[in-house]
Amino acid sequence: MAFDLFSLDQLILVLGQITLLVLAGLLILALISAILIVFSIRTGRMVFPHLFLAGMALVEGVIRAFCGLLGVEDRELTEFVIRLHNRFNQGKFDRIPAKDKAIFLPQCLRSAKCPAHLTPEGLICQRCMLCDIGRSIDALEAQGYHVHIVPGSTFIKRLVKAEKPKAIIGVGCLMEVREGLMLADRLGLVSMGVITLKDGCIETLVNWTIINELAAGGANLEALPSVKAIE
Protein backbone atom coordinates (compact mmCIF):
# COMPACT_ATOMS: atom_id res chain seq x y z
CA MET A 1 0.00 0.00 0.00
CA ALA A 2 2.84 2.35 0.93
CA PHE A 3 4.55 1.45 -2.35
CA ASP A 4 1.35 2.27 -4.29
CA LEU A 5 1.07 5.67 -2.58
CA PHE A 6 4.74 6.38 -3.28
CA SER A 7 4.29 5.45 -6.95
CA LEU A 8 1.21 7.68 -7.20
CA ASP A 9 3.08 10.61 -5.66
CA GLN A 10 5.96 10.08 -8.07
CA LEU A 11 3.56 9.92 -11.03
CA ILE A 12 1.86 13.16 -9.96
CA LEU A 13 5.26 14.83 -9.57
CA VAL A 14 6.40 13.70 -13.02
CA LEU A 15 3.13 14.83 -14.61
CA GLY A 16 3.46 18.18 -12.87
CA GLN A 17 7.00 18.62 -14.17
CA ILE A 18 5.94 17.68 -17.69
CA THR A 19 3.07 20.18 -17.51
CA LEU A 20 5.43 22.95 -16.38
CA LEU A 21 7.86 22.11 -19.18
CA VAL A 22 5.05 22.21 -21.77
CA LEU A 23 3.79 25.55 -20.44
CA ALA A 24 7.32 26.95 -20.43
CA GLY A 25 7.80 25.72 -24.00
CA LEU A 26 4.57 27.38 -25.14
CA LEU A 27 5.57 30.64 -23.47
CA ILE A 28 8.96 30.53 -25.18
CA LEU A 29 7.26 29.77 -28.52
CA ALA A 30 4.86 32.67 -27.96
CA LEU A 31 7.69 35.07 -27.11
CA ILE A 32 9.82 34.03 -30.09
CA SER A 33 6.77 34.23 -32.38
CA ALA A 34 5.94 37.72 -31.07
CA ILE A 35 9.52 38.91 -31.64
CA LEU A 36 9.52 37.53 -35.19
CA ILE A 37 6.13 39.07 -35.91
CA VAL A 38 7.21 42.49 -34.64
CA PHE A 39 10.43 42.27 -36.67
CA SER A 40 8.48 41.24 -39.79
CA ILE A 41 5.96 44.06 -39.39
CA ARG A 42 8.63 46.70 -38.78
CA THR A 43 10.93 45.61 -41.62
CA GLY A 44 8.37 44.34 -44.13
CA ARG A 45 10.21 41.00 -44.31
CA MET A 46 8.63 37.76 -43.11
CA VAL A 47 11.16 35.73 -41.13
CA PHE A 48 10.37 32.07 -40.30
CA PRO A 49 6.63 32.51 -41.03
CA HIS A 50 5.89 28.83 -40.35
CA LEU A 51 7.09 29.27 -36.77
CA PHE A 52 4.78 32.11 -35.84
CA LEU A 53 1.93 30.48 -37.75
CA ALA A 54 2.35 27.50 -35.43
CA GLY A 55 2.51 29.87 -32.49
CA MET A 56 -0.68 31.67 -33.51
CA ALA A 57 -2.47 28.34 -33.81
CA LEU A 58 -1.41 27.24 -30.32
CA VAL A 59 -1.17 30.35 -28.16
CA GLU A 60 -2.62 33.28 -30.10
CA GLY A 61 -3.79 35.13 -26.98
CA VAL A 62 -0.34 35.02 -25.36
CA ILE A 63 1.34 36.14 -28.61
CA ARG A 64 -1.06 39.09 -28.85
CA ALA A 65 -0.18 40.04 -25.27
CA PHE A 66 3.56 39.88 -25.99
CA CYS A 67 3.11 41.86 -29.23
CA GLY A 68 1.20 44.50 -27.28
CA LEU A 69 4.08 44.80 -24.82
CA LEU A 70 6.45 45.17 -27.79
CA GLY A 71 4.41 48.05 -29.22
CA VAL A 72 2.28 46.33 -31.87
CA GLU A 73 -1.41 47.25 -31.76
CA ASP A 74 -4.01 44.50 -32.04
CA ARG A 75 -5.31 45.88 -35.35
CA GLU A 76 -1.81 45.91 -36.82
CA LEU A 77 -1.25 42.31 -35.74
CA THR A 78 -4.59 41.15 -37.18
CA GLU A 79 -3.79 42.81 -40.51
CA PHE A 80 -0.41 41.07 -40.52
CA VAL A 81 -2.04 37.67 -39.87
CA ILE A 82 -4.39 38.25 -42.82
CA ARG A 83 -1.49 39.15 -45.11
CA LEU A 84 0.36 36.05 -43.92
CA HIS A 85 -2.73 33.92 -44.59
CA ASN A 86 -2.87 35.34 -48.14
CA ARG A 87 0.79 34.60 -48.72
CA PHE A 88 0.46 30.94 -47.75
CA ASN A 89 -2.71 30.48 -49.82
CA GLN A 90 -1.54 32.33 -52.92
CA GLY A 91 -0.01 29.37 -54.75
CA LYS A 92 -3.08 27.18 -54.32
CA PHE A 93 -5.40 30.10 -55.13
CA ASP A 94 -3.60 30.95 -58.39
CA ARG A 95 -3.78 27.34 -59.60
CA ILE A 96 -7.59 27.23 -59.36
CA PRO A 97 -9.44 28.40 -62.52
CA ALA A 98 -11.40 31.65 -62.19
CA LYS A 99 -14.64 29.83 -63.04
CA ASP A 100 -14.27 27.94 -59.75
CA LYS A 101 -13.72 31.10 -57.71
CA ALA A 102 -16.04 33.66 -56.19
CA ILE A 103 -15.52 37.22 -54.99
CA PHE A 104 -17.63 38.54 -52.13
CA LEU A 105 -17.90 42.32 -51.87
CA PRO A 106 -19.59 44.04 -48.92
CA GLN A 107 -22.64 46.15 -49.67
CA CYS A 108 -21.06 49.05 -47.76
CA LEU A 109 -18.88 49.73 -50.83
CA ARG A 110 -21.86 50.92 -52.86
CA SER A 111 -23.05 54.49 -53.24
CA ALA A 112 -25.72 55.90 -50.93
CA LYS A 113 -27.76 56.42 -54.11
CA CYS A 114 -27.32 52.83 -55.32
CA PRO A 115 -30.47 51.66 -57.18
CA ALA A 116 -29.78 47.95 -56.63
CA HIS A 117 -32.22 45.86 -54.58
CA LEU A 118 -31.45 42.91 -52.37
CA THR A 119 -32.11 39.47 -53.88
CA PRO A 120 -31.41 35.91 -52.67
CA GLU A 121 -28.06 36.21 -54.53
CA GLY A 122 -27.22 39.51 -52.86
CA LEU A 123 -27.33 42.90 -54.54
CA ILE A 124 -27.37 42.83 -58.34
CA CYS A 125 -25.18 45.66 -59.64
CA GLN A 126 -27.07 47.95 -62.04
CA ARG A 127 -23.87 49.47 -63.50
CA CYS A 128 -25.08 52.94 -62.55
CA MET A 129 -21.40 53.90 -62.14
CA LEU A 130 -22.07 55.76 -58.90
CA CYS A 131 -19.42 53.64 -57.16
CA ASP A 132 -16.31 51.67 -58.06
CA ILE A 133 -18.18 48.35 -58.03
CA GLY A 134 -19.90 49.26 -61.28
CA ARG A 135 -16.58 50.28 -62.81
CA SER A 136 -14.81 47.06 -61.79
CA ILE A 137 -17.27 44.18 -61.75
CA ASP A 138 -17.37 43.59 -65.53
CA ALA A 139 -13.61 43.03 -65.73
CA LEU A 140 -13.74 40.53 -62.87
CA GLU A 141 -16.69 38.65 -64.34
CA ALA A 142 -14.98 38.63 -67.75
CA GLN A 143 -12.19 36.61 -66.17
CA GLY A 144 -14.77 34.04 -65.07
CA TYR A 145 -15.26 35.08 -61.45
CA HIS A 146 -18.63 34.86 -59.74
CA VAL A 147 -18.97 38.27 -58.07
CA HIS A 148 -21.48 38.81 -55.27
CA ILE A 149 -22.34 41.94 -53.32
CA VAL A 150 -23.58 40.72 -49.96
CA PRO A 151 -24.82 42.22 -46.69
CA GLY A 152 -23.24 39.67 -44.37
CA SER A 153 -21.81 36.25 -43.62
CA THR A 154 -25.20 34.51 -43.77
CA PHE A 155 -25.39 35.25 -47.51
CA ILE A 156 -21.82 34.08 -48.01
CA LYS A 157 -22.48 30.73 -46.30
CA ARG A 158 -25.62 30.15 -48.38
CA LEU A 159 -23.98 31.13 -51.68
CA VAL A 160 -20.92 29.00 -50.97
CA LYS A 161 -23.19 26.05 -50.25
CA ALA A 162 -25.18 26.65 -53.44
CA GLU A 163 -22.35 27.42 -55.87
CA LYS A 164 -19.60 25.34 -54.27
CA PRO A 165 -16.61 27.49 -55.29
CA LYS A 166 -13.16 26.08 -54.62
CA ALA A 167 -11.65 29.44 -53.72
CA ILE A 168 -12.86 32.89 -52.74
CA ILE A 169 -11.69 36.47 -52.32
CA GLY A 170 -13.44 38.10 -49.39
CA VAL A 171 -13.55 41.86 -48.95
CA GLY A 172 -14.61 43.59 -45.75
CA CYS A 173 -13.53 45.43 -42.64
CA LEU A 174 -10.69 44.00 -40.59
CA MET A 175 -12.65 41.70 -38.26
CA GLU A 176 -15.07 40.61 -41.00
CA VAL A 177 -12.15 39.47 -43.15
CA ARG A 178 -10.44 37.72 -40.22
CA GLU A 179 -13.65 35.86 -39.31
CA GLY A 180 -14.38 35.13 -42.98
CA LEU A 181 -10.97 33.56 -43.52
CA MET A 182 -11.47 31.38 -40.45
CA LEU A 183 -14.88 30.33 -41.79
CA ALA A 184 -13.37 29.54 -45.20
CA ASP A 185 -10.69 27.41 -43.57
CA ARG A 186 -13.37 25.43 -41.74
CA LEU A 187 -15.24 24.92 -45.02
CA GLY A 188 -12.10 23.77 -46.80
CA LEU A 189 -11.99 26.75 -49.17
CA VAL A 190 -8.82 28.43 -50.39
CA SER A 191 -9.37 32.03 -49.38
CA MET A 192 -7.76 35.44 -49.82
CA GLY A 193 -8.75 38.49 -47.77
CA VAL A 194 -8.79 42.17 -48.70
CA ILE A 195 -9.42 44.77 -46.00
CA THR A 196 -11.44 47.91 -46.72
CA LEU A 197 -9.67 51.24 -46.25
CA LYS A 198 -12.14 52.43 -43.64
CA ASP A 199 -14.86 50.92 -41.51
CA GLY A 200 -18.48 51.93 -41.85
CA CYS A 201 -21.91 50.96 -43.11
CA ILE A 202 -22.03 52.99 -46.31
CA GLU A 203 -19.70 54.34 -49.00
CA THR A 204 -16.59 52.66 -47.65
CA LEU A 205 -13.51 52.27 -49.85
CA VAL A 206 -11.22 49.46 -50.93
CA ASN A 207 -8.01 49.38 -52.92
CA TRP A 208 -9.18 47.83 -56.18
CA THR A 209 -5.59 47.35 -57.30
CA ILE A 210 -5.19 44.69 -54.62
CA ILE A 211 -8.40 42.92 -55.66
CA ASN A 212 -7.46 43.01 -59.34
CA GLU A 213 -3.90 41.79 -58.64
CA LEU A 214 -5.17 38.86 -56.58
CA ALA A 215 -7.85 38.02 -59.15
CA ALA A 216 -5.38 38.09 -62.05
CA GLY A 217 -3.02 35.72 -60.24
CA GLY A 218 0.69 35.89 -59.65
CA ALA A 219 0.39 38.97 -57.43
CA ASN A 220 3.52 40.06 -55.62
CA LEU A 221 2.02 40.17 -52.14
CA GLU A 222 5.16 41.69 -50.67
CA ALA A 223 4.83 44.64 -53.03
CA LEU A 224 1.12 45.21 -52.41
CA PRO A 225 0.54 48.08 -49.98
CA SER A 226 -0.83 47.41 -46.53
CA VAL A 227 -3.99 49.05 -45.24
CA LYS A 228 -1.91 51.34 -43.08
CA ALA A 229 0.27 52.37 -46.01
CA ILE A 230 -2.75 53.21 -48.15
CA GLU A 231 -4.42 55.25 -45.44
C-alpha atoms as a PDB file:
ATOM      1  CA  MET A   1       0.000   0.000   0.000  1.00  0.00           C
ATOM      2  CA  ALA A   2       2.840   2.347   0.929  1.00  0.00           C
ATOM      3  CA  PHE A   3       4.546   1.454  -2.354  1.00  0.00           C
ATOM      4  CA  ASP A   4       1.351   2.273  -4.288  1.00  0.00           C
ATOM      5  CA  LEU A   5       1.066   5.675  -2.584  1.00  0.00           C
ATOM      6  CA  PHE A   6       4.736   6.375  -3.284  1.00  0.00           C
ATOM      7  CA  SER A   7       4.286   5.447  -6.948  1.00  0.00           C
ATOM      8  CA  LEU A   8       1.211   7.678  -7.197  1.00  0.00           C
ATOM      9  CA  ASP A   9       3.082  10.607  -5.663  1.00  0.00           C
ATOM     10  CA  GLN A  10       5.958  10.079  -8.070  1.00  0.00           C
ATOM     11  CA  LEU A  11       3.565   9.922 -11.026  1.00  0.00           C
ATOM     12  CA  ILE A  12       1.860  13.159  -9.963  1.00  0.00           C
ATOM     13  CA  LEU A  13       5.260  14.826  -9.574  1.00  0.00           C
ATOM     14  CA  VAL A  14       6.395  13.702 -13.020  1.00  0.00           C
ATOM     15  CA  LEU A  15       3.129  14.833 -14.611  1.00  0.00           C
ATOM     16  CA  GLY A  16       3.464  18.184 -12.870  1.00  0.00           C
ATOM     17  CA  GLN A  17       7.004  18.616 -14.167  1.00  0.00           C
ATOM     18  CA  ILE A  18       5.940  17.680 -17.695  1.00  0.00           C
ATOM     19  CA  THR A  19       3.075  20.185 -17.507  1.00  0.00           C
ATOM     20  CA  LEU A  20       5.431  22.948 -16.379  1.00  0.00           C
ATOM     21  CA  LEU A  21       7.856  22.106 -19.184  1.00  0.00           C
ATOM     22  CA  VAL A  22       5.050  22.208 -21.768  1.00  0.00           C
ATOM     23  CA  LEU A  23       3.792  25.553 -20.441  1.00  0.00           C
ATOM     24  CA  ALA A  24       7.318  26.947 -20.434  1.00  0.00           C
ATOM     25  CA  GLY A  25       7.803  25.720 -24.001  1.00  0.00           C
ATOM     26  CA  LEU A  26       4.567  27.376 -25.137  1.00  0.00           C
ATOM     27  CA  LEU A  27       5.568  30.639 -23.474  1.00  0.00           C
ATOM     28  CA  ILE A  28       8.959  30.530 -25.184  1.00  0.00           C
ATOM     29  CA  LEU A  29       7.255  29.767 -28.523  1.00  0.00           C
ATOM     30  CA  ALA A  30       4.863  32.670 -27.960  1.00  0.00           C
ATOM     31  CA  LEU A  31       7.690  35.073 -27.107  1.00  0.00           C
ATOM     32  CA  ILE A  32       9.821  34.025 -30.094  1.00  0.00           C
ATOM     33  CA  SER A  33       6.768  34.234 -32.381  1.00  0.00           C
ATOM     34  CA  ALA A  34       5.945  37.716 -31.072  1.00  0.00           C
ATOM     35  CA  ILE A  35       9.517  38.912 -31.635  1.00  0.00           C
ATOM     36  CA  LEU A  36       9.525  37.527 -35.186  1.00  0.00           C
ATOM     37  CA  ILE A  37       6.132  39.073 -35.909  1.00  0.00           C
ATOM     38  CA  VAL A  38       7.209  42.492 -34.641  1.00  0.00           C
ATOM     39  CA  PHE A  39      10.431  42.270 -36.669  1.00  0.00           C
ATOM     40  CA  SER A  40       8.478  41.239 -39.788  1.00  0.00           C
ATOM     41  CA  ILE A  41       5.955  44.063 -39.385  1.00  0.00           C
ATOM     42  CA  ARG A  42       8.628  46.704 -38.781  1.00  0.00           C
ATOM     43  CA  THR A  43      10.931  45.608 -41.615  1.00  0.00           C
ATOM     44  CA  GLY A  44       8.366  44.340 -44.125  1.00  0.00           C
ATOM     45  CA  ARG A  45      10.215  40.996 -44.315  1.00  0.00           C
ATOM     46  CA  MET A  46       8.626  37.757 -43.115  1.00  0.00           C
ATOM     47  CA  VAL A  47      11.158  35.728 -41.127  1.00  0.00           C
ATOM     48  CA  PHE A  48      10.371  32.071 -40.305  1.00  0.00           C
ATOM     49  CA  PRO A  49       6.635  32.506 -41.026  1.00  0.00           C
ATOM     50  CA  HIS A  50       5.889  28.827 -40.350  1.00  0.00           C
ATOM     51  CA  LEU A  51       7.095  29.269 -36.774  1.00  0.00           C
ATOM     52  CA  PHE A  52       4.781  32.105 -35.844  1.00  0.00           C
ATOM     53  CA  LEU A  53       1.927  30.484 -37.747  1.00  0.00           C
ATOM     54  CA  ALA A  54       2.346  27.497 -35.434  1.00  0.00           C
ATOM     55  CA  GLY A  55       2.511  29.865 -32.487  1.00  0.00           C
ATOM     56  CA  MET A  56      -0.682  31.672 -33.507  1.00  0.00           C
ATOM     57  CA  ALA A  57      -2.469  28.338 -33.809  1.00  0.00           C
ATOM     58  CA  LEU A  58      -1.406  27.236 -30.320  1.00  0.00           C
ATOM     59  CA  VAL A  59      -1.168  30.354 -28.158  1.00  0.00           C
ATOM     60  CA  GLU A  60      -2.622  33.282 -30.099  1.00  0.00           C
ATOM     61  CA  GLY A  61      -3.790  35.133 -26.976  1.00  0.00           C
ATOM     62  CA  VAL A  62      -0.337  35.022 -25.364  1.00  0.00           C
ATOM     63  CA  ILE A  63       1.337  36.144 -28.607  1.00  0.00           C
ATOM     64  CA  ARG A  64      -1.057  39.085 -28.848  1.00  0.00           C
ATOM     65  CA  ALA A  65      -0.184  40.042 -25.273  1.00  0.00           C
ATOM     66  CA  PHE A  66       3.563  39.885 -25.993  1.00  0.00           C
ATOM     67  CA  CYS A  67       3.115  41.859 -29.229  1.00  0.00           C
ATOM     68  CA  GLY A  68       1.199  44.501 -27.283  1.00  0.00           C
ATOM     69  CA  LEU A  69       4.078  44.797 -24.824  1.00  0.00           C
ATOM     70  CA  LEU A  70       6.446  45.173 -27.792  1.00  0.00           C
ATOM     71  CA  GLY A  71       4.408  48.049 -29.216  1.00  0.00           C
ATOM     72  CA  VAL A  72       2.277  46.334 -31.871  1.00  0.00           C
ATOM     73  CA  GLU A  73      -1.406  47.254 -31.764  1.00  0.00           C
ATOM     74  CA  ASP A  74      -4.012  44.503 -32.040  1.00  0.00           C
ATOM     75  CA  ARG A  75      -5.306  45.876 -35.353  1.00  0.00           C
ATOM     76  CA  GLU A  76      -1.813  45.910 -36.823  1.00  0.00           C
ATOM     77  CA  LEU A  77      -1.249  42.307 -35.742  1.00  0.00           C
ATOM     78  CA  THR A  78      -4.588  41.147 -37.183  1.00  0.00           C
ATOM     79  CA  GLU A  79      -3.786  42.809 -40.507  1.00  0.00           C
ATOM     80  CA  PHE A  80      -0.407  41.068 -40.518  1.00  0.00           C
ATOM     81  CA  VAL A  81      -2.039  37.675 -39.875  1.00  0.00           C
ATOM     82  CA  ILE A  82      -4.394  38.253 -42.823  1.00  0.00           C
ATOM     83  CA  ARG A  83      -1.493  39.154 -45.106  1.00  0.00           C
ATOM     84  CA  LEU A  84       0.364  36.046 -43.919  1.00  0.00           C
ATOM     85  CA  HIS A  85      -2.726  33.920 -44.592  1.00  0.00           C
ATOM     86  CA  ASN A  86      -2.865  35.343 -48.137  1.00  0.00           C
ATOM     87  CA  ARG A  87       0.793  34.600 -48.716  1.00  0.00           C
ATOM     88  CA  PHE A  88       0.455  30.942 -47.751  1.00  0.00           C
ATOM     89  CA  ASN A  89      -2.710  30.477 -49.817  1.00  0.00           C
ATOM     90  CA  GLN A  90      -1.538  32.334 -52.919  1.00  0.00           C
ATOM     91  CA  GLY A  91      -0.014  29.375 -54.747  1.00  0.00           C
ATOM     92  CA  LYS A  92      -3.084  27.177 -54.323  1.00  0.00           C
ATOM     93  CA  PHE A  93      -5.399  30.100 -55.132  1.00  0.00           C
ATOM     94  CA  ASP A  94      -3.598  30.951 -58.391  1.00  0.00           C
ATOM     95  CA  ARG A  95      -3.781  27.342 -59.597  1.00  0.00           C
ATOM     96  CA  ILE A  96      -7.587  27.230 -59.356  1.00  0.00           C
ATOM     97  CA  PRO A  97      -9.441  28.397 -62.520  1.00  0.00           C
ATOM     98  CA  ALA A  98     -11.398  31.646 -62.194  1.00  0.00           C
ATOM     99  CA  LYS A  99     -14.637  29.832 -63.041  1.00  0.00           C
ATOM    100  CA  ASP A 100     -14.266  27.941 -59.748  1.00  0.00           C
ATOM    101  CA  LYS A 101     -13.721  31.102 -57.708  1.00  0.00           C
ATOM    102  CA  ALA A 102     -16.038  33.664 -56.189  1.00  0.00           C
ATOM    103  CA  ILE A 103     -15.517  37.220 -54.989  1.00  0.00           C
ATOM    104  CA  PHE A 104     -17.634  38.539 -52.132  1.00  0.00           C
ATOM    105  CA  LEU A 105     -17.901  42.320 -51.875  1.00  0.00           C
ATOM    106  CA  PRO A 106     -19.588  44.042 -48.917  1.00  0.00           C
ATOM    107  CA  GLN A 107     -22.639  46.149 -49.667  1.00  0.00           C
ATOM    108  CA  CYS A 108     -21.064  49.052 -47.761  1.00  0.00           C
ATOM    109  CA  LEU A 109     -18.882  49.731 -50.835  1.00  0.00           C
ATOM    110  CA  ARG A 110     -21.863  50.922 -52.860  1.00  0.00           C
ATOM    111  CA  SER A 111     -23.051  54.494 -53.238  1.00  0.00           C
ATOM    112  CA  ALA A 112     -25.717  55.897 -50.930  1.00  0.00           C
ATOM    113  CA  LYS A 113     -27.764  56.421 -54.114  1.00  0.00           C
ATOM    114  CA  CYS A 114     -27.320  52.825 -55.318  1.00  0.00           C
ATOM    115  CA  PRO A 115     -30.472  51.664 -57.176  1.00  0.00           C
ATOM    116  CA  ALA A 116     -29.780  47.948 -56.632  1.00  0.00           C
ATOM    117  CA  HIS A 117     -32.220  45.865 -54.584  1.00  0.00           C
ATOM    118  CA  LEU A 118     -31.452  42.909 -52.374  1.00  0.00           C
ATOM    119  CA  THR A 119     -32.111  39.473 -53.883  1.00  0.00           C
ATOM    120  CA  PRO A 120     -31.410  35.912 -52.666  1.00  0.00           C
ATOM    121  CA  GLU A 121     -28.065  36.206 -54.529  1.00  0.00           C
ATOM    122  CA  GLY A 122     -27.219  39.507 -52.863  1.00  0.00           C
ATOM    123  CA  LEU A 123     -27.333  42.902 -54.544  1.00  0.00           C
ATOM    124  CA  ILE A 124     -27.374  42.832 -58.341  1.00  0.00           C
ATOM    125  CA  CYS A 125     -25.185  45.659 -59.638  1.00  0.00           C
ATOM    126  CA  GLN A 126     -27.067  47.949 -62.044  1.00  0.00           C
ATOM    127  CA  ARG A 127     -23.874  49.470 -63.497  1.00  0.00           C
ATOM    128  CA  CYS A 128     -25.081  52.944 -62.550  1.00  0.00           C
ATOM    129  CA  MET A 129     -21.401  53.899 -62.144  1.00  0.00           C
ATOM    130  CA  LEU A 130     -22.073  55.758 -58.899  1.00  0.00           C
ATOM    131  CA  CYS A 131     -19.422  53.644 -57.155  1.00  0.00           C
ATOM    132  CA  ASP A 132     -16.314  51.669 -58.058  1.00  0.00           C
ATOM    133  CA  ILE A 133     -18.183  48.354 -58.032  1.00  0.00           C
ATOM    134  CA  GLY A 134     -19.902  49.261 -61.284  1.00  0.00           C
ATOM    135  CA  ARG A 135     -16.579  50.285 -62.806  1.00  0.00           C
ATOM    136  CA  SER A 136     -14.805  47.055 -61.794  1.00  0.00           C
ATOM    137  CA  ILE A 137     -17.268  44.184 -61.750  1.00  0.00           C
ATOM    138  CA  ASP A 138     -17.374  43.589 -65.531  1.00  0.00           C
ATOM    139  CA  ALA A 139     -13.609  43.033 -65.731  1.00  0.00           C
ATOM    140  CA  LEU A 140     -13.741  40.532 -62.867  1.00  0.00           C
ATOM    141  CA  GLU A 141     -16.695  38.653 -64.343  1.00  0.00           C
ATOM    142  CA  ALA A 142     -14.983  38.628 -67.751  1.00  0.00           C
ATOM    143  CA  GLN A 143     -12.187  36.612 -66.171  1.00  0.00           C
ATOM    144  CA  GLY A 144     -14.767  34.043 -65.070  1.00  0.00           C
ATOM    145  CA  TYR A 145     -15.263  35.081 -61.446  1.00  0.00           C
ATOM    146  CA  HIS A 146     -18.635  34.863 -59.737  1.00  0.00           C
ATOM    147  CA  VAL A 147     -18.972  38.265 -58.066  1.00  0.00           C
ATOM    148  CA  HIS A 148     -21.484  38.809 -55.270  1.00  0.00           C
ATOM    149  CA  ILE A 149     -22.344  41.940 -53.316  1.00  0.00           C
ATOM    150  CA  VAL A 150     -23.580  40.717 -49.958  1.00  0.00           C
ATOM    151  CA  PRO A 151     -24.824  42.223 -46.689  1.00  0.00           C
ATOM    152  CA  GLY A 152     -23.241  39.666 -44.365  1.00  0.00           C
ATOM    153  CA  SER A 153     -21.806  36.245 -43.620  1.00  0.00           C
ATOM    154  CA  THR A 154     -25.201  34.514 -43.774  1.00  0.00           C
ATOM    155  CA  PHE A 155     -25.391  35.255 -47.505  1.00  0.00           C
ATOM    156  CA  ILE A 156     -21.819  34.077 -48.012  1.00  0.00           C
ATOM    157  CA  LYS A 157     -22.479  30.732 -46.305  1.00  0.00           C
ATOM    158  CA  ARG A 158     -25.616  30.145 -48.381  1.00  0.00           C
ATOM    159  CA  LEU A 159     -23.985  31.133 -51.683  1.00  0.00           C
ATOM    160  CA  VAL A 160     -20.919  28.999 -50.967  1.00  0.00           C
ATOM    161  CA  LYS A 161     -23.191  26.048 -50.246  1.00  0.00           C
ATOM    162  CA  ALA A 162     -25.183  26.653 -53.438  1.00  0.00           C
ATOM    163  CA  GLU A 163     -22.352  27.425 -55.867  1.00  0.00           C
ATOM    164  CA  LYS A 164     -19.596  25.339 -54.270  1.00  0.00           C
ATOM    165  CA  PRO A 165     -16.610  27.490 -55.291  1.00  0.00           C
ATOM    166  CA  LYS A 166     -13.157  26.077 -54.621  1.00  0.00           C
ATOM    167  CA  ALA A 167     -11.654  29.435 -53.719  1.00  0.00           C
ATOM    168  CA  ILE A 168     -12.855  32.891 -52.736  1.00  0.00           C
ATOM    169  CA  ILE A 169     -11.692  36.466 -52.324  1.00  0.00           C
ATOM    170  CA  GLY A 170     -13.436  38.100 -49.393  1.00  0.00           C
ATOM    171  CA  VAL A 171     -13.550  41.865 -48.953  1.00  0.00           C
ATOM    172  CA  GLY A 172     -14.612  43.590 -45.747  1.00  0.00           C
ATOM    173  CA  CYS A 173     -13.529  45.430 -42.642  1.00  0.00           C
ATOM    174  CA  LEU A 174     -10.691  43.996 -40.592  1.00  0.00           C
ATOM    175  CA  MET A 175     -12.648  41.704 -38.262  1.00  0.00           C
ATOM    176  CA  GLU A 176     -15.069  40.615 -40.997  1.00  0.00           C
ATOM    177  CA  VAL A 177     -12.148  39.474 -43.148  1.00  0.00           C
ATOM    178  CA  ARG A 178     -10.444  37.723 -40.223  1.00  0.00           C
ATOM    179  CA  GLU A 179     -13.649  35.863 -39.313  1.00  0.00           C
ATOM    180  CA  GLY A 180     -14.380  35.134 -42.976  1.00  0.00           C
ATOM    181  CA  LEU A 181     -10.970  33.557 -43.523  1.00  0.00           C
ATOM    182  CA  MET A 182     -11.466  31.377 -40.450  1.00  0.00           C
ATOM    183  CA  LEU A 183     -14.880  30.331 -41.793  1.00  0.00           C
ATOM    184  CA  ALA A 184     -13.374  29.541 -45.204  1.00  0.00           C
ATOM    185  CA  ASP A 185     -10.687  27.413 -43.568  1.00  0.00           C
ATOM    186  CA  ARG A 186     -13.373  25.435 -41.737  1.00  0.00           C
ATOM    187  CA  LEU A 187     -15.239  24.923 -45.020  1.00  0.00           C
ATOM    188  CA  GLY A 188     -12.099  23.771 -46.799  1.00  0.00           C
ATOM    189  CA  LEU A 189     -11.992  26.749 -49.173  1.00  0.00           C
ATOM    190  CA  VAL A 190      -8.822  28.433 -50.386  1.00  0.00           C
ATOM    191  CA  SER A 191      -9.366  32.034 -49.383  1.00  0.00           C
ATOM    192  CA  MET A 192      -7.761  35.436 -49.820  1.00  0.00           C
ATOM    193  CA  GLY A 193      -8.749  38.487 -47.770  1.00  0.00           C
ATOM    194  CA  VAL A 194      -8.793  42.173 -48.701  1.00  0.00           C
ATOM    195  CA  ILE A 195      -9.420  44.773 -45.999  1.00  0.00           C
ATOM    196  CA  THR A 196     -11.440  47.915 -46.721  1.00  0.00           C
ATOM    197  CA  LEU A 197      -9.672  51.239 -46.249  1.00  0.00           C
ATOM    198  CA  LYS A 198     -12.137  52.431 -43.642  1.00  0.00           C
ATOM    199  CA  ASP A 199     -14.863  50.920 -41.512  1.00  0.00           C
ATOM    200  CA  GLY A 200     -18.479  51.931 -41.846  1.00  0.00           C
ATOM    201  CA  CYS A 201     -21.906  50.956 -43.109  1.00  0.00           C
ATOM    202  CA  ILE A 202     -22.035  52.990 -46.312  1.00  0.00           C
ATOM    203  CA  GLU A 203     -19.703  54.341 -49.000  1.00  0.00           C
ATOM    204  CA  THR A 204     -16.589  52.662 -47.650  1.00  0.00           C
ATOM    205  CA  LEU A 205     -13.510  52.268 -49.845  1.00  0.00           C
ATOM    206  CA  VAL A 206     -11.216  49.461 -50.928  1.00  0.00           C
ATOM    207  CA  ASN A 207      -8.008  49.381 -52.921  1.00  0.00           C
ATOM    208  CA  TRP A 208      -9.178  47.831 -56.184  1.00  0.00           C
ATOM    209  CA  THR A 209      -5.587  47.347 -57.305  1.00  0.00           C
ATOM    210  CA  ILE A 210      -5.194  44.689 -54.621  1.00  0.00           C
ATOM    211  CA  ILE A 211      -8.402  42.920 -55.664  1.00  0.00           C
ATOM    212  CA  ASN A 212      -7.458  43.005 -59.343  1.00  0.00           C
ATOM    213  CA  GLU A 213      -3.903  41.792 -58.641  1.00  0.00           C
ATOM    214  CA  LEU A 214      -5.173  38.860 -56.579  1.00  0.00           C
ATOM    215  CA  ALA A 215      -7.846  38.018 -59.151  1.00  0.00           C
ATOM    216  CA  ALA A 216      -5.383  38.093 -62.045  1.00  0.00           C
ATOM    217  CA  GLY A 217      -3.016  35.717 -60.241  1.00  0.00           C
ATOM    218  CA  GLY A 218       0.694  35.895 -59.651  1.00  0.00           C
ATOM    219  CA  ALA A 219       0.395  38.968 -57.434  1.00  0.00           C
ATOM    220  CA  ASN A 220       3.517  40.062 -55.618  1.00  0.00           C
ATOM    221  CA  LEU A 221       2.023  40.169 -52.142  1.00  0.00           C
ATOM    222  CA  GLU A 222       5.163  41.692 -50.667  1.00  0.00           C
ATOM    223  CA  ALA A 223       4.826  44.639 -53.030  1.00  0.00           C
ATOM    224  CA  LEU A 224       1.124  45.210 -52.414  1.00  0.00           C
ATOM    225  CA  PRO A 225       0.538  48.082 -49.985  1.00  0.00           C
ATOM    226  CA  SER A 226      -0.834  47.406 -46.528  1.00  0.00           C
ATOM    227  CA  VAL A 227      -3.991  49.049 -45.243  1.00  0.00           C
ATOM    228  CA  LYS A 228      -1.911  51.339 -43.075  1.00  0.00           C
ATOM    229  CA  ALA A 229       0.275  52.373 -46.005  1.00  0.00           C
ATOM    230  CA  ILE A 230      -2.751  53.208 -48.148  1.00  0.00           C
ATOM    231  CA  GLU A 231      -4.420  55.248 -45.440  1.00  0.00           C
END
